[in-house]
N, C-alpha and C. Protein backbone atom coordinates (compact mmCIF):
# COMPACT_ATOMS: atom_id res chain seq x y z
N MET A 1 24.15 -98.03 -24.28
CA MET A 1 24.49 -97.01 -23.37
C MET A 1 26.23 -96.68 -23.43
N SER A 2 26.31 -95.65 -22.97
CA SER A 2 27.94 -95.53 -23.37
C SER A 2 28.63 -95.35 -22.13
N GLU A 3 29.82 -95.80 -21.52
CA GLU A 3 30.61 -95.59 -20.46
C GLU A 3 30.54 -94.14 -20.11
N PRO A 4 30.57 -93.78 -18.67
CA PRO A 4 30.43 -93.01 -18.00
C PRO A 4 32.13 -92.40 -17.88
N SER A 5 31.92 -90.99 -17.71
CA SER A 5 33.68 -90.37 -18.36
C SER A 5 34.01 -90.63 -16.70
N PRO A 6 35.46 -90.27 -16.34
CA PRO A 6 36.33 -90.55 -15.23
C PRO A 6 35.37 -89.21 -14.00
N SER A 7 35.62 -88.14 -14.60
CA SER A 7 34.85 -86.82 -13.73
C SER A 7 33.14 -87.58 -13.13
N GLU A 8 31.94 -88.34 -14.24
CA GLU A 8 31.11 -88.70 -13.20
C GLU A 8 31.41 -89.65 -12.59
N VAL A 9 32.26 -90.90 -12.68
CA VAL A 9 32.44 -92.07 -11.67
C VAL A 9 32.80 -90.99 -10.62
N PHE A 10 33.72 -90.19 -10.57
CA PHE A 10 34.51 -89.52 -9.31
C PHE A 10 33.02 -89.09 -8.68
N LYS A 11 32.48 -88.08 -9.26
CA LYS A 11 31.46 -87.47 -8.68
C LYS A 11 30.35 -88.32 -7.80
N ALA A 12 30.03 -89.44 -8.72
CA ALA A 12 29.45 -90.52 -7.78
C ALA A 12 29.87 -91.03 -6.39
N LEU A 13 31.83 -91.31 -6.12
CA LEU A 13 31.92 -92.00 -5.58
C LEU A 13 31.95 -90.85 -4.27
N LEU A 14 32.69 -89.37 -4.34
CA LEU A 14 32.06 -88.21 -3.88
C LEU A 14 30.73 -88.55 -2.93
N LYS A 15 29.36 -88.57 -3.76
CA LYS A 15 28.31 -88.43 -3.46
C LYS A 15 27.86 -89.29 -2.08
N ARG A 16 28.37 -90.83 -2.23
CA ARG A 16 28.27 -91.76 -1.26
C ARG A 16 29.65 -92.11 -0.67
N ASP A 17 30.14 -90.71 -0.56
CA ASP A 17 30.80 -91.27 0.74
C ASP A 17 32.10 -92.40 -0.18
N ALA A 18 32.39 -92.77 -0.92
CA ALA A 18 32.99 -94.44 -0.95
C ALA A 18 34.07 -94.12 -1.53
N LEU A 19 34.39 -92.87 -2.03
CA LEU A 19 35.87 -92.56 -2.31
C LEU A 19 36.62 -92.62 -1.12
N LYS A 20 36.37 -91.74 -0.30
CA LYS A 20 37.02 -91.81 1.15
C LYS A 20 37.89 -93.01 1.59
N LYS A 21 36.50 -93.89 1.63
CA LYS A 21 36.52 -95.42 2.19
C LYS A 21 37.48 -96.28 1.48
N MET A 22 37.40 -96.07 -0.13
CA MET A 22 38.37 -96.57 -1.22
C MET A 22 39.81 -96.11 -0.40
N VAL A 23 40.41 -94.89 -0.56
CA VAL A 23 41.40 -94.39 -0.08
C VAL A 23 41.78 -94.90 0.91
N ASN A 24 40.82 -95.08 1.95
CA ASN A 24 41.51 -95.29 3.73
C ASN A 24 41.67 -97.27 3.52
N GLU A 25 40.76 -97.88 2.46
CA GLU A 25 41.39 -99.02 2.98
C GLU A 25 42.49 -99.34 1.89
N SER A 26 42.64 -98.39 1.09
CA SER A 26 44.06 -99.02 0.49
C SER A 26 45.23 -98.53 1.09
N LEU A 27 45.07 -97.57 2.16
CA LEU A 27 46.00 -97.41 3.25
C LEU A 27 45.75 -98.28 4.64
N SER A 28 45.28 -99.02 4.48
CA SER A 28 44.75 -100.03 5.69
C SER A 28 45.91 -101.04 6.37
N GLY A 29 46.79 -101.13 5.57
CA GLY A 29 47.80 -102.09 5.62
C GLY A 29 48.85 -101.08 6.02
N LEU A 30 49.03 -100.39 6.44
CA LEU A 30 50.57 -99.37 6.33
C LEU A 30 49.93 -98.68 7.76
N SER A 31 51.32 -99.08 8.43
CA SER A 31 51.95 -97.86 9.80
C SER A 31 50.92 -96.45 9.86
N ASP A 32 51.17 -95.49 10.60
CA ASP A 32 51.13 -94.33 10.63
C ASP A 32 52.29 -93.92 9.59
N ASN A 33 53.53 -94.01 9.78
CA ASN A 33 54.49 -93.75 9.27
C ASN A 33 54.69 -93.90 7.84
N GLY A 34 54.09 -95.00 7.27
CA GLY A 34 53.88 -95.41 5.66
C GLY A 34 52.38 -94.32 5.28
N ARG A 35 51.29 -94.24 6.31
CA ARG A 35 50.26 -93.81 5.68
C ARG A 35 50.35 -91.85 5.33
N ALA A 36 51.60 -92.01 6.40
CA ALA A 36 52.15 -90.10 6.32
C ALA A 36 52.68 -89.83 4.76
N ALA A 37 53.65 -91.17 4.46
CA ALA A 37 54.52 -91.00 3.49
C ALA A 37 53.69 -91.14 2.30
N VAL A 38 52.77 -92.02 2.10
CA VAL A 38 51.75 -92.31 1.21
C VAL A 38 50.85 -90.71 0.64
N LEU A 39 50.34 -90.23 1.80
CA LEU A 39 49.89 -89.22 1.79
C LEU A 39 50.03 -88.03 1.11
N SER A 40 51.48 -87.36 1.91
CA SER A 40 52.22 -86.52 1.60
C SER A 40 52.43 -86.66 -0.27
N SER A 41 53.26 -87.54 -0.62
CA SER A 41 53.38 -87.88 -1.59
C SER A 41 52.20 -88.00 -2.88
N ARG A 42 51.34 -88.53 -2.72
CA ARG A 42 50.22 -88.25 -2.86
C ARG A 42 49.65 -86.76 -3.41
N GLY A 43 49.45 -86.38 -1.90
CA GLY A 43 49.08 -85.33 -1.83
C GLY A 43 49.96 -84.07 -2.87
N LEU A 44 50.97 -84.03 -3.02
CA LEU A 44 52.21 -83.36 -4.03
C LEU A 44 51.74 -83.44 -5.18
N CYS A 45 51.29 -84.83 -5.57
CA CYS A 45 51.16 -85.08 -7.21
C CYS A 45 49.96 -84.44 -7.42
N ILE A 46 48.79 -84.60 -6.41
CA ILE A 46 47.58 -83.53 -6.86
C ILE A 46 47.51 -82.10 -7.26
N ALA A 47 48.97 -81.81 -6.35
CA ALA A 47 49.10 -80.30 -5.94
C ALA A 47 49.09 -79.61 -7.35
N GLN A 48 50.58 -80.88 -8.40
CA GLN A 48 51.54 -80.47 -9.24
C GLN A 48 50.63 -80.03 -10.13
N THR A 49 49.22 -81.06 -10.30
CA THR A 49 48.41 -81.43 -11.13
C THR A 49 47.48 -80.82 -11.31
N LEU A 50 47.02 -80.08 -10.30
CA LEU A 50 46.04 -79.00 -9.76
C LEU A 50 46.74 -77.29 -10.15
N ALA A 51 48.08 -77.33 -10.26
CA ALA A 51 48.84 -76.27 -10.69
C ALA A 51 48.74 -76.39 -12.38
N ARG A 52 48.64 -77.16 -12.69
CA ARG A 52 48.95 -77.22 -14.33
C ARG A 52 47.24 -77.10 -14.95
N GLY A 53 46.33 -77.28 -13.79
CA GLY A 53 44.55 -77.44 -14.29
C GLY A 53 43.91 -76.74 -15.38
N THR A 54 43.37 -77.43 -16.32
CA THR A 54 42.74 -76.36 -17.18
C THR A 54 40.89 -76.69 -17.45
N ASP A 55 40.85 -77.62 -16.87
CA ASP A 55 39.30 -77.46 -16.62
C ASP A 55 38.46 -77.52 -14.70
N LYS A 56 37.60 -76.66 -14.90
CA LYS A 56 37.43 -76.12 -13.52
C LYS A 56 36.96 -77.79 -12.97
N GLU A 57 36.16 -78.31 -13.61
CA GLU A 57 35.28 -79.25 -13.20
C GLU A 57 36.44 -80.51 -12.58
N GLN A 58 37.13 -80.65 -13.32
CA GLN A 58 38.12 -81.91 -12.67
C GLN A 58 38.91 -81.08 -12.00
N SER A 59 39.45 -79.95 -11.75
CA SER A 59 40.01 -79.29 -10.59
C SER A 59 39.48 -79.40 -9.46
N ASP A 60 38.43 -79.12 -9.41
CA ASP A 60 37.12 -79.23 -8.33
C ASP A 60 36.98 -80.55 -7.61
N LEU A 61 36.95 -81.52 -8.69
CA LEU A 61 36.85 -83.19 -8.51
C LEU A 61 38.37 -83.38 -7.35
N ALA A 62 39.29 -82.93 -8.10
CA ALA A 62 41.11 -83.33 -7.52
C ALA A 62 41.25 -82.24 -6.53
N ARG A 63 40.38 -81.14 -6.05
CA ARG A 63 40.76 -80.20 -4.84
C ARG A 63 39.94 -81.11 -3.73
N ASN A 64 38.76 -81.61 -4.00
CA ASN A 64 37.92 -82.70 -3.01
C ASN A 64 38.84 -83.69 -2.53
N LEU A 65 39.34 -84.23 -3.39
CA LEU A 65 40.58 -85.61 -3.20
C LEU A 65 41.80 -84.87 -2.47
N PHE A 66 42.35 -84.07 -2.53
CA PHE A 66 43.29 -83.24 -2.17
C PHE A 66 42.84 -83.24 -0.11
N ILE A 67 41.67 -82.74 -0.40
CA ILE A 67 41.06 -82.39 1.00
C ILE A 67 40.81 -83.56 2.26
N GLN A 68 40.59 -84.83 1.10
CA GLN A 68 40.29 -85.63 2.23
C GLN A 68 41.43 -86.57 2.53
N GLU A 69 42.26 -86.68 1.33
CA GLU A 69 43.66 -87.37 1.92
C GLU A 69 43.94 -86.32 2.92
N TYR A 70 43.94 -84.95 3.15
CA TYR A 70 44.56 -83.95 3.55
C TYR A 70 43.59 -84.65 5.42
N GLU A 71 42.47 -84.83 5.44
CA GLU A 71 41.78 -85.16 6.89
C GLU A 71 42.50 -86.02 7.06
N LEU A 72 42.57 -87.43 6.15
CA LEU A 72 43.01 -88.94 6.45
C LEU A 72 44.89 -88.60 6.58
N LEU A 73 45.62 -87.72 6.83
CA LEU A 73 47.05 -87.29 6.99
C LEU A 73 46.26 -86.57 8.45
N ASP A 74 45.62 -85.75 8.62
CA ASP A 74 45.35 -85.33 10.02
C ASP A 74 45.61 -86.03 10.87
N ALA A 75 44.45 -87.18 10.48
CA ALA A 75 44.55 -88.31 11.33
C ALA A 75 45.53 -89.16 11.85
N THR A 76 46.72 -89.22 11.11
CA THR A 76 48.19 -89.79 11.69
C THR A 76 49.06 -90.20 12.33
N ARG A 77 49.21 -90.43 13.32
CA ARG A 77 50.18 -90.39 14.55
C ARG A 77 51.59 -90.49 14.15
N PRO A 78 52.28 -90.41 13.12
CA PRO A 78 53.62 -91.07 12.58
C PRO A 78 54.47 -91.11 14.28
N ASP A 79 55.16 -91.88 14.30
CA ASP A 79 56.29 -92.10 15.38
C ASP A 79 58.06 -91.73 14.91
N ASP A 80 58.05 -92.26 13.94
CA ASP A 80 59.59 -91.74 13.18
C ASP A 80 58.92 -89.91 12.99
N GLU A 81 60.95 -89.58 13.39
CA GLU A 81 61.31 -88.31 13.01
C GLU A 81 60.95 -88.03 11.62
N TRP A 82 61.49 -88.44 10.44
CA TRP A 82 61.38 -88.60 9.10
C TRP A 82 60.28 -88.16 9.15
N ALA A 83 58.74 -89.04 9.71
CA ALA A 83 57.90 -89.49 9.05
C ALA A 83 56.92 -88.00 10.13
N ILE A 84 57.27 -87.67 11.43
CA ILE A 84 57.01 -86.64 11.57
C ILE A 84 56.91 -85.50 10.75
N LYS A 85 58.31 -84.90 10.75
CA LYS A 85 58.65 -84.08 9.88
C LYS A 85 57.56 -83.56 8.48
N VAL A 86 57.66 -84.90 7.60
CA VAL A 86 57.02 -84.69 6.21
C VAL A 86 55.77 -84.51 6.98
N LYS A 87 54.94 -84.67 7.72
CA LYS A 87 53.87 -84.55 7.98
C LYS A 87 53.33 -83.28 8.16
N LYS A 88 54.39 -83.11 8.70
CA LYS A 88 54.09 -81.61 9.36
C LYS A 88 54.23 -80.39 8.23
N GLU A 89 55.26 -80.84 7.52
CA GLU A 89 55.90 -80.05 6.46
C GLU A 89 54.76 -79.75 5.44
N PHE A 90 54.24 -80.91 5.19
CA PHE A 90 52.61 -81.37 4.25
C PHE A 90 51.96 -80.69 5.08
N MET A 91 51.49 -80.79 5.82
CA MET A 91 50.25 -79.93 6.44
C MET A 91 50.19 -78.36 7.07
N ALA A 92 51.47 -77.83 6.86
CA ALA A 92 51.67 -76.77 6.47
C ALA A 92 51.26 -75.92 5.06
N PHE A 93 51.69 -76.49 4.11
CA PHE A 93 51.96 -76.58 2.81
C PHE A 93 50.08 -76.87 2.69
N ALA A 94 49.41 -77.93 3.08
CA ALA A 94 48.10 -78.00 2.56
C ALA A 94 47.61 -76.66 3.11
N ASN A 95 47.37 -76.79 4.19
CA ASN A 95 46.90 -75.28 5.29
C ASN A 95 46.70 -74.26 4.13
N TYR A 96 48.27 -73.69 3.82
CA TYR A 96 48.02 -73.00 3.26
C TYR A 96 46.85 -73.22 2.05
N CYS A 97 47.33 -73.99 1.20
CA CYS A 97 46.34 -73.97 -0.21
C CYS A 97 45.38 -73.77 0.49
N ILE A 98 44.48 -74.36 1.32
CA ILE A 98 43.00 -74.98 2.01
C ILE A 98 42.70 -73.74 1.90
N VAL A 99 43.82 -72.58 2.96
CA VAL A 99 43.05 -71.16 3.64
C VAL A 99 43.52 -70.28 2.39
N SER A 100 44.03 -70.41 1.63
CA SER A 100 44.49 -69.34 0.58
C SER A 100 43.31 -69.24 -0.75
N MET A 101 42.50 -70.60 -0.98
CA MET A 101 41.63 -70.80 -1.67
C MET A 101 40.30 -69.68 -1.75
N PRO A 102 40.14 -69.11 -2.73
CA PRO A 102 38.76 -68.63 -2.09
C PRO A 102 37.76 -69.10 -2.36
N PRO A 103 36.36 -68.74 -1.96
CA PRO A 103 35.24 -69.66 -2.23
C PRO A 103 35.23 -69.86 -3.57
N ASP A 104 34.62 -71.00 -4.44
CA ASP A 104 34.33 -71.25 -5.55
C ASP A 104 35.18 -70.69 -6.76
N PRO A 105 36.75 -71.02 -6.44
CA PRO A 105 37.49 -70.33 -7.06
C PRO A 105 37.44 -70.80 -8.95
N SER A 106 37.80 -69.90 -9.48
CA SER A 106 37.99 -69.95 -11.09
C SER A 106 39.19 -70.74 -11.18
N ILE A 107 39.11 -71.32 -12.49
CA ILE A 107 40.40 -72.01 -13.05
C ILE A 107 41.59 -71.76 -12.66
N GLU A 108 41.47 -70.37 -12.87
CA GLU A 108 42.87 -69.64 -13.28
C GLU A 108 43.32 -69.45 -11.39
N GLN A 109 42.14 -69.27 -10.71
CA GLN A 109 42.15 -68.40 -9.18
C GLN A 109 43.13 -69.84 -8.78
N GLN A 110 42.56 -71.17 -8.90
CA GLN A 110 42.87 -72.46 -8.44
C GLN A 110 44.63 -72.65 -9.06
N ARG A 111 44.63 -72.42 -9.83
CA ARG A 111 46.13 -72.37 -10.72
C ARG A 111 47.12 -71.45 -9.90
N ALA A 112 46.66 -70.64 -9.03
CA ALA A 112 47.58 -69.67 -9.04
C ALA A 112 47.80 -69.63 -7.35
N VAL A 113 46.98 -70.14 -7.02
CA VAL A 113 47.16 -70.61 -5.18
C VAL A 113 48.24 -72.13 -5.24
N TRP A 114 47.64 -73.15 -5.91
CA TRP A 114 48.66 -74.31 -6.17
C TRP A 114 49.98 -73.62 -6.75
N THR A 115 50.45 -73.02 -7.50
CA THR A 115 51.61 -72.74 -8.23
C THR A 115 52.46 -72.03 -6.76
N GLU A 116 51.85 -71.09 -6.93
CA GLU A 116 52.50 -69.86 -5.26
C GLU A 116 52.86 -71.35 -4.48
N ALA A 117 52.06 -71.53 -3.90
CA ALA A 117 52.26 -72.79 -2.93
C ALA A 117 53.18 -73.25 -2.96
N LEU A 118 53.54 -74.19 -4.63
CA LEU A 118 54.53 -74.95 -4.44
C LEU A 118 56.02 -74.43 -4.93
N ARG A 119 55.72 -72.83 -4.87
CA ARG A 119 56.88 -72.28 -5.17
C ARG A 119 57.57 -71.97 -3.48
N LYS A 120 56.55 -71.62 -2.67
CA LYS A 120 56.98 -71.58 -1.15
C LYS A 120 57.87 -72.94 -0.47
N TRP A 121 57.24 -73.71 -1.33
CA TRP A 121 57.34 -74.92 -0.07
C TRP A 121 58.57 -75.89 -1.56
N GLU A 122 59.26 -74.75 -1.81
CA GLU A 122 59.98 -76.17 -3.30
C GLU A 122 61.31 -76.54 -2.81
N LYS A 123 61.50 -76.03 -1.23
CA LYS A 123 62.69 -77.02 -0.88
C LYS A 123 62.19 -78.19 -0.08
N SER A 124 60.74 -78.27 0.14
CA SER A 124 60.50 -79.69 0.62
C SER A 124 60.14 -80.66 -0.41
N ILE A 125 59.57 -80.22 -1.52
CA ILE A 125 59.44 -80.92 -2.97
C ILE A 125 59.96 -82.20 -2.88
N PRO A 126 61.59 -82.15 -3.19
CA PRO A 126 62.37 -83.15 -3.19
C PRO A 126 61.97 -84.64 -2.18
N VAL A 127 61.88 -83.80 -1.04
CA VAL A 127 61.63 -84.73 0.12
C VAL A 127 60.78 -85.91 0.04
N TRP A 128 59.61 -84.65 -0.78
CA TRP A 128 58.08 -85.62 -0.71
C TRP A 128 57.78 -86.20 -1.72
N GLU A 129 59.02 -85.92 -2.70
CA GLU A 129 58.77 -86.47 -4.38
C GLU A 129 59.57 -87.82 -3.87
N GLY A 130 60.68 -88.01 -2.65
CA GLY A 130 61.65 -88.73 -2.33
C GLY A 130 61.54 -89.23 -1.67
N ILE A 131 60.19 -89.48 -1.00
CA ILE A 131 60.19 -90.25 0.03
C ILE A 131 59.64 -91.85 0.22
N TRP A 132 59.39 -91.81 -1.08
CA TRP A 132 59.06 -93.43 -1.16
C TRP A 132 60.43 -94.10 -1.12
N ALA A 133 61.76 -93.60 -1.24
CA ALA A 133 62.66 -94.69 -1.11
C ALA A 133 63.42 -95.03 0.21
N THR A 134 62.54 -93.82 1.56
CA THR A 134 62.75 -94.13 2.86
C THR A 134 62.03 -94.86 3.42
N TRP A 135 60.57 -94.82 2.63
CA TRP A 135 59.46 -95.66 3.60
C TRP A 135 59.58 -97.38 2.83
N LEU A 136 59.72 -97.19 1.76
CA LEU A 136 59.90 -98.55 1.24
C LEU A 136 60.43 -99.92 2.36
N GLY A 137 61.05 -99.66 2.95
CA GLY A 137 61.72 -100.68 3.68
C GLY A 137 60.76 -100.88 5.01
N THR A 138 59.93 -99.82 5.09
CA THR A 138 58.93 -100.25 6.42
C THR A 138 57.78 -100.76 6.33
N PHE A 139 57.43 -100.98 4.91
CA PHE A 139 56.09 -101.55 4.97
C PHE A 139 55.63 -102.97 5.40
N PRO A 140 55.18 -103.33 6.03
CA PRO A 140 54.25 -104.20 6.62
C PRO A 140 54.16 -105.17 5.95
N PRO A 141 54.20 -106.75 5.71
CA PRO A 141 53.58 -107.49 5.06
C PRO A 141 52.17 -107.22 5.10
N LEU A 142 51.46 -108.31 4.66
CA LEU A 142 49.97 -108.68 5.22
C LEU A 142 50.01 -109.42 5.49
N PRO A 143 49.34 -109.63 6.94
CA PRO A 143 48.59 -111.10 7.09
C PRO A 143 48.17 -112.09 6.40
N GLU A 144 48.64 -113.28 7.00
CA GLU A 144 48.43 -114.53 5.99
C GLU A 144 46.83 -114.92 5.84
N GLY A 145 46.24 -115.16 4.45
CA GLY A 145 44.98 -115.14 4.41
C GLY A 145 44.12 -114.15 4.14
N THR A 146 44.96 -112.63 4.23
CA THR A 146 43.71 -111.77 3.86
C THR A 146 43.68 -111.73 1.93
N ASP A 147 42.59 -111.09 1.73
CA ASP A 147 42.42 -110.56 0.56
C ASP A 147 41.96 -109.37 1.20
N PRO A 148 42.63 -108.27 0.70
CA PRO A 148 42.51 -107.06 0.41
C PRO A 148 40.89 -106.43 0.20
N ARG A 149 40.87 -107.51 -1.57
CA ARG A 149 39.71 -107.06 -2.50
C ARG A 149 38.36 -107.10 -2.06
N LYS A 150 38.41 -108.49 -1.18
CA LYS A 150 37.13 -108.79 -0.51
C LYS A 150 36.74 -107.91 0.88
N GLU A 151 37.96 -107.73 1.45
CA GLU A 151 37.20 -106.75 2.57
C GLU A 151 37.00 -105.51 2.19
N PHE A 152 37.63 -105.02 0.92
CA PHE A 152 36.85 -103.63 0.94
C PHE A 152 35.62 -103.80 0.04
N LEU A 153 35.09 -104.69 -0.70
CA LEU A 153 34.31 -104.72 -1.16
C LEU A 153 33.12 -104.86 0.22
N ALA A 154 33.40 -105.55 0.88
CA ALA A 154 32.64 -105.88 2.12
C ALA A 154 32.11 -104.21 2.72
N THR A 155 32.94 -103.42 2.57
CA THR A 155 33.17 -101.77 3.49
C THR A 155 32.30 -101.23 2.91
N ILE A 156 32.24 -101.28 1.15
CA ILE A 156 30.93 -100.51 0.29
C ILE A 156 29.66 -101.08 -0.02
N GLY A 157 29.84 -102.36 0.49
CA GLY A 157 28.37 -103.44 -0.08
C GLY A 157 27.79 -102.86 0.13
């Protein structure tokens, strides 16, 4: 039996809603400021990848991940001024992408929407790309005796 492709694994995770649990668990030790930073940076990476997409199935899967992370970002309540601004700008970018995307878009339509959005928000991109430098100093330590792997496995068990 051959090993499943990344697309097959991704689809299986989506069907079980496990992908959202995995993303949420990976962010569980972060403050809302940190979550806003990570989700904005990752959303940008996904958008940049989708702007160059060549495979419709993989682009559809990545778009689903973008939307799931968008929902997680929307739920954050950052309290630092920089995190509030980053979230607000990134949400405007994401809203534009989501609303502009036609139903069941072709790969060309997807690339066009992502490319246009990245062009419109080009002044914000350096902020989203450089956010790690600002945020790294605010990462809270894990509580002593915590094993994130065991806790994660228990949530999807």
